[in-house]
Amino acid sequence: MNIQIFGKSKCFDTKKAERYFKERGIKFQSIDLPKYGMSAGEFDSVKRAVGGLEAMLDEKANDAALVKYLAYDEDKQQKMLSNPKLIKTPIVRNGKKATVGYCPEIWKSWE
């Protein structure tokens, strides 16, 4: 397994995801999403795996309402890529597979 966890330092679900993999002795790469962001390719891969932009949008973020009302998906994606705080965390990637949020039942199937 090649696990990447994109998260925010103050996100409790990110901390829970990291603990989940640590407790099972599974190595992972942790990426601070607000600091480093995501490449367009990584974003597209996650978007395909989780079923679209809506699943990736953090409803609690300040500008989330603005993104929801943009007309085109390309505009929504650009806004989310330029402001990673709009992306729901944690994003856990395992190759082409990905989850958004705390999803231990799915991660268990990866083992």
C-alpha atoms as a PDB file:
ATOM      1  CA  MET A   1       0.000   0.000   0.000  1.00  0.00           C
ATOM      2  CA  ASN A   2       1.107   3.511  -0.788  1.00  0.00           C
ATOM      3  CA  ILE A   3      -0.996   5.681   1.529  1.00  0.00           C
ATOM      4  CA  GLN A   4      -1.082   9.474   1.340  1.00  0.00           C
ATOM      5  CA  ILE A   5      -3.097  11.523   3.815  1.00  0.00           C
ATOM      6  CA  PHE A   6      -3.920  15.079   2.791  1.00  0.00           C
ATOM      7  CA  GLY A   7      -5.116  16.910   5.876  1.00  0.00           C
ATOM      8  CA  LYS A   8      -5.277  20.017   7.995  1.00  0.00           C
ATOM      9  CA  SER A   9      -3.337  20.267  11.260  1.00  0.00           C
ATOM     10  CA  LYS A  10      -6.416  21.263  13.283  1.00  0.00           C
ATOM     11  CA  CYS A  11      -8.748  18.663  11.743  1.00  0.00           C
ATOM     12  CA  PHE A  12      -9.753  15.932  14.205  1.00  0.00           C
ATOM     13  CA  ASP A  13     -10.694  13.509  11.414  1.00  0.00           C
ATOM     14  CA  THR A  14      -7.202  13.918   9.933  1.00  0.00           C
ATOM     15  CA  LYS A  15      -5.668  13.033  13.305  1.00  0.00           C
ATOM     16  CA  LYS A  16      -7.994  10.025  13.604  1.00  0.00           C
ATOM     17  CA  ALA A  17      -6.998   8.833  10.119  1.00  0.00           C
ATOM     18  CA  GLU A  18      -3.298   9.111  10.950  1.00  0.00           C
ATOM     19  CA  ARG A  19      -3.885   7.198  14.195  1.00  0.00           C
ATOM     20  CA  TYR A  20      -5.809   4.484  12.305  1.00  0.00           C
ATOM     21  CA  PHE A  21      -2.825   3.741  10.062  1.00  0.00           C
ATOM     22  CA  LYS A  22      -0.235   4.112  12.844  1.00  0.00           C
ATOM     23  CA  GLU A  23      -2.077   1.584  15.030  1.00  0.00           C
ATOM     24  CA  ARG A  24      -1.986  -0.955  12.194  1.00  0.00           C
ATOM     25  CA  GLY A  25       1.685  -0.365  11.413  1.00  0.00           C
ATOM     26  CA  ILE A  26       0.890   0.949   7.923  1.00  0.00           C
ATOM     27  CA  LYS A  27       3.304   3.579   6.682  1.00  0.00           C
ATOM     28  CA  PHE A  28       1.802   6.708   5.182  1.00  0.00           C
ATOM     29  CA  GLN A  29       2.850  10.075   3.852  1.00  0.00           C
ATOM     30  CA  SER A  30       1.167  13.018   5.560  1.00  0.00           C
ATOM     31  CA  ILE A  31       0.663  16.195   3.509  1.00  0.00           C
ATOM     32  CA  ASP A  32      -0.408  19.506   5.040  1.00  0.00           C
ATOM     33  CA  LEU A  33      -3.125  20.490   2.575  1.00  0.00           C
ATOM     34  CA  PRO A  34      -3.350  24.239   3.389  1.00  0.00           C
ATOM     35  CA  LYS A  35       0.434  24.587   3.200  1.00  0.00           C
ATOM     36  CA  TYR A  36       1.258  22.436   0.146  1.00  0.00           C
ATOM     37  CA  GLY A  37      -2.071  22.069  -1.635  1.00  0.00           C
ATOM     38  CA  MET A  38      -2.738  19.413  -4.262  1.00  0.00           C
ATOM     39  CA  SER A  39      -1.642  19.128  -7.845  1.00  0.00           C
ATOM     40  CA  ALA A  40      -4.326  19.222 -10.531  1.00  0.00           C
ATOM     41  CA  GLY A  41      -3.590  15.576 -11.355  1.00  0.00           C
ATOM     42  CA  GLU A  42      -3.981  14.462  -7.738  1.00  0.00           C
ATOM     43  CA  PHE A  43      -7.193  16.478  -7.457  1.00  0.00           C
ATOM     44  CA  ASP A  44      -8.636  14.872 -10.622  1.00  0.00           C
ATOM     45  CA  SER A  45      -7.709  11.386  -9.420  1.00  0.00           C
ATOM     46  CA  VAL A  46      -9.430  11.932  -6.067  1.00  0.00           C
ATOM     47  CA  LYS A  47     -12.436  13.561  -7.742  1.00  0.00           C
ATOM     48  CA  ARG A  48     -12.941  10.492  -9.951  1.00  0.00           C
ATOM     49  CA  ALA A  49     -12.496   8.089  -7.014  1.00  0.00           C
ATOM     50  CA  VAL A  50     -14.994   9.820  -4.689  1.00  0.00           C
ATOM     51  CA  GLY A  51     -17.650  10.727  -7.238  1.00  0.00           C
ATOM     52  CA  GLY A  52     -17.179  14.414  -8.000  1.00  0.00           C
ATOM     53  CA  LEU A  53     -16.489  17.859  -6.632  1.00  0.00           C
ATOM     54  CA  GLU A  54     -19.451  17.951  -4.247  1.00  0.00           C
ATOM     55  CA  ALA A  55     -17.972  15.096  -2.204  1.00  0.00           C
ATOM     56  CA  MET A  56     -14.709  17.031  -1.854  1.00  0.00           C
ATOM     57  CA  LEU A  57     -16.147  20.414  -0.847  1.00  0.00           C
ATOM     58  CA  ASP A  58     -15.900  21.245   2.866  1.00  0.00           C
ATOM     59  CA  GLU A  59     -19.374  22.589   3.673  1.00  0.00           C
ATOM     60  CA  LYS A  60     -18.018  24.226   6.849  1.00  0.00           C
ATOM     61  CA  ALA A  61     -15.449  26.354   5.004  1.00  0.00           C
ATOM     62  CA  ASN A  62     -16.045  30.111   4.821  1.00  0.00           C
ATOM     63  CA  ASP A  63     -16.244  30.343   1.021  1.00  0.00           C
ATOM     64  CA  ALA A  64     -18.044  27.021   0.450  1.00  0.00           C
ATOM     65  CA  ALA A  65     -21.307  28.747  -0.509  1.00  0.00           C
ATOM     66  CA  LEU A  66     -19.471  30.765  -3.159  1.00  0.00           C
ATOM     67  CA  VAL A  67     -18.060  27.596  -4.735  1.00  0.00           C
ATOM     68  CA  LYS A  68     -21.475  25.890  -4.749  1.00  0.00           C
ATOM     69  CA  TYR A  69     -22.957  28.675  -6.846  1.00  0.00           C
ATOM     70  CA  LEU A  70     -20.259  28.816  -9.506  1.00  0.00           C
ATOM     71  CA  ALA A  71     -21.779  27.671 -12.788  1.00  0.00           C
ATOM     72  CA  TYR A  72     -19.018  25.503 -14.218  1.00  0.00           C
ATOM     73  CA  ASP A  73     -17.145  22.587 -12.644  1.00  0.00           C
ATOM     74  CA  GLU A  74     -13.866  23.942 -14.061  1.00  0.00           C
ATOM     75  CA  ASP A  75     -14.395  27.181 -12.106  1.00  0.00           C
ATOM     76  CA  LYS A  76     -15.270  25.258  -8.947  1.00  0.00           C
ATOM     77  CA  GLN A  77     -12.174  23.108  -9.315  1.00  0.00           C
ATOM     78  CA  GLN A  78      -9.911  26.141  -9.875  1.00  0.00           C
ATOM     79  CA  LYS A  79     -11.345  27.846  -6.781  1.00  0.00           C
ATOM     80  CA  MET A  80     -10.784  24.725  -4.676  1.00  0.00           C
ATOM     81  CA  LEU A  81      -7.251  24.212  -5.982  1.00  0.00           C
ATOM     82  CA  SER A  82      -6.321  27.850  -5.334  1.00  0.00           C
ATOM     83  CA  ASN A  83      -7.838  27.730  -1.824  1.00  0.00           C
ATOM     84  CA  PRO A  84      -7.176  24.259  -0.316  1.00  0.00           C
ATOM     85  CA  LYS A  85      -9.086  25.196   2.852  1.00  0.00           C
ATOM     86  CA  LEU A  86     -12.232  24.549   0.790  1.00  0.00           C
ATOM     87  CA  ILE A  87     -11.346  20.862   0.418  1.00  0.00           C
ATOM     88  CA  LYS A  88     -12.808  18.435   2.953  1.00  0.00           C
ATOM     89  CA  THR A  89     -10.231  16.458   4.911  1.00  0.00           C
ATOM     90  CA  PRO A  90      -8.769  13.980   5.364  1.00  0.00           C
ATOM     91  CA  ILE A  91      -8.256  12.800   1.830  1.00  0.00           C
ATOM     92  CA  VAL A  92      -6.686   9.356   1.984  1.00  0.00           C
ATOM     93  CA  ARG A  93      -5.208   8.017  -1.247  1.00  0.00           C
ATOM     94  CA  ASN A  94      -4.050   4.517  -2.030  1.00  0.00           C
ATOM     95  CA  GLY A  95      -2.992   4.577  -5.677  1.00  0.00           C
ATOM     96  CA  LYS A  96      -6.129   5.215  -7.757  1.00  0.00           C
ATOM     97  CA  LYS A  97      -8.405   4.642  -4.742  1.00  0.00           C
ATOM     98  CA  ALA A  98      -9.318   7.524  -2.465  1.00  0.00           C
ATOM     99  CA  THR A  99     -11.661   8.541   0.325  1.00  0.00           C
ATOM    100  CA  VAL A 100     -12.752  11.894   1.706  1.00  0.00           C
ATOM    101  CA  GLY A 101     -13.443  12.097   5.425  1.00  0.00           C
ATOM    102  CA  TYR A 102     -12.939   9.443   8.088  1.00  0.00           C
ATOM    103  CA  CYS A 103     -13.735   6.092   6.407  1.00  0.00           C
ATOM    104  CA  PRO A 104     -12.133   3.189   8.323  1.00  0.00           C
ATOM    105  CA  GLU A 105     -14.531   0.622   6.806  1.00  0.00           C
ATOM    106  CA  ILE A 106     -13.165   1.401   3.326  1.00  0.00           C
ATOM    107  CA  TRP A 107      -9.528   1.537   4.483  1.00  0.00           C
ATOM    108  CA  LYS A 108      -9.933  -1.910   6.052  1.00  0.00           C
ATOM    109  CA  SER A 109     -10.803  -3.328   2.621  1.00  0.00           C
ATOM    110  CA  TRP A 110      -7.488  -1.943   1.293  1.00  0.00           C
ATOM    111  CA  GLU A 111      -5.424  -4.023   3.746  1.00  0.00           C
END
